Amino acid sequence: MNNGGGVFTDILAAAGRIFEVMVEGHWETVGLLFDSVGKGIIRINRNAYSNVNGGGSSLRGSSPEASGYAVPSKAIESKFAE
């Protein structure tokens, strides 16, 4: 026992390292989630209130009125047709 530890100390040290890695990973995931939610809210606010805070007047979404209607590249039959 040169370092003053034993099997229980080694087990507790390993458990502490595992717990630390789990907590850091969860905080990183939560941080990324908050970042994504924040960016989404900013985009919604920019589209809804385009004249506030120097925003432009153009919409950045994919609404048909702003970007045009989608045209299918091939004929599509209804799957419920009899």
Protein backbone atom coordinates (compact mmCIF):
# COMPACT_ATOMS: atom_id res chain seq x y z
CA MET A 1 0.00 0.00 0.00
CA ASN A 2 2.40 2.57 -1.22
CA ASN A 3 -0.21 5.04 -2.38
CA GLY A 4 -2.60 4.53 0.54
CA GLY A 5 -5.41 3.14 -1.64
CA GLY A 6 -7.11 -0.17 -1.85
CA VAL A 7 -9.71 -1.93 -3.93
CA PHE A 8 -12.56 0.15 -2.52
CA THR A 9 -10.70 3.37 -3.16
CA ASP A 10 -10.01 2.29 -6.74
CA ILE A 11 -13.69 1.39 -7.27
CA LEU A 12 -14.84 4.74 -5.89
CA ALA A 13 -12.29 6.61 -8.03
CA ALA A 14 -13.49 4.76 -11.17
CA ALA A 15 -17.14 5.44 -10.27
CA GLY A 16 -16.29 9.12 -9.79
CA ARG A 17 -14.64 9.30 -13.21
CA ILE A 18 -17.64 7.60 -14.86
CA PHE A 19 -20.03 10.00 -13.11
CA GLU A 20 -17.93 12.99 -14.17
CA VAL A 21 -17.93 11.91 -17.82
CA MET A 22 -21.71 11.33 -17.74
CA VAL A 23 -22.41 14.74 -16.18
CA GLU A 24 -20.16 16.53 -18.67
CA GLY A 25 -21.81 14.72 -21.58
CA HIS A 26 -25.29 15.56 -20.36
CA TRP A 27 -24.41 19.23 -19.88
CA GLU A 28 -22.98 19.37 -23.38
CA THR A 29 -26.17 17.83 -24.79
CA VAL A 30 -28.37 20.25 -22.82
CA GLY A 31 -26.24 23.15 -24.01
CA LEU A 32 -26.64 22.09 -27.65
CA LEU A 33 -30.39 21.73 -27.11
CA PHE A 34 -30.69 25.24 -25.68
CA ASP A 35 -28.57 26.59 -28.54
CA SER A 36 -30.86 24.99 -31.13
CA VAL A 37 -34.01 26.22 -29.39
CA GLY A 38 -32.58 29.72 -29.18
CA LYS A 39 -31.69 29.79 -32.87
CA GLY A 40 -35.17 28.54 -33.74
CA ILE A 41 -36.83 31.23 -31.66
CA ILE A 42 -34.64 33.88 -33.25
CA ARG A 43 -35.66 32.70 -36.72
CA ILE A 44 -39.37 32.64 -35.79
CA ASN A 45 -39.14 36.15 -34.34
CA ARG A 46 -37.22 37.39 -37.39
CA ASN A 47 -39.94 36.03 -39.68
CA ALA A 48 -42.86 37.21 -37.54
CA TYR A 49 -41.47 40.65 -36.66
CA SER A 50 -39.27 41.50 -39.61
CA ASN A 51 -39.41 45.25 -39.01
CA VAL A 52 -38.11 45.03 -35.40
CA ASN A 53 -34.37 45.39 -34.67
CA GLY A 54 -33.46 46.36 -38.22
CA GLY A 55 -34.65 43.14 -39.82
CA GLY A 56 -35.36 42.98 -43.52
CA SER A 57 -38.79 42.82 -45.04
CA SER A 58 -38.27 39.50 -46.79
CA LEU A 59 -39.42 36.22 -45.31
CA ARG A 60 -36.80 33.55 -44.70
CA GLY A 61 -39.20 30.63 -44.54
CA SER A 62 -40.42 28.29 -47.24
CA SER A 63 -43.94 29.62 -47.59
CA PRO A 64 -45.50 29.12 -51.05
CA GLU A 65 -46.27 32.83 -51.38
CA ALA A 66 -42.60 33.76 -50.95
CA SER A 67 -40.83 30.92 -52.74
CA GLY A 68 -43.42 29.60 -55.22
CA TYR A 69 -45.27 26.33 -55.29
CA ALA A 70 -43.52 22.97 -55.62
CA VAL A 71 -43.99 21.16 -58.91
CA PRO A 72 -43.71 17.35 -58.90
CA SER A 73 -41.09 15.93 -61.23
CA LYS A 74 -43.28 12.96 -62.27
CA ALA A 75 -46.94 12.00 -62.30
CA ILE A 76 -48.19 10.88 -58.91
CA GLU A 77 -51.20 8.60 -58.54
CA SER A 78 -53.26 8.58 -55.41
CA LYS A 79 -52.65 5.48 -53.30
CA PHE A 80 -56.31 5.50 -52.28
CA ALA A 81 -57.66 5.50 -55.84
CA GLU A 82 -59.77 2.51 -56.73
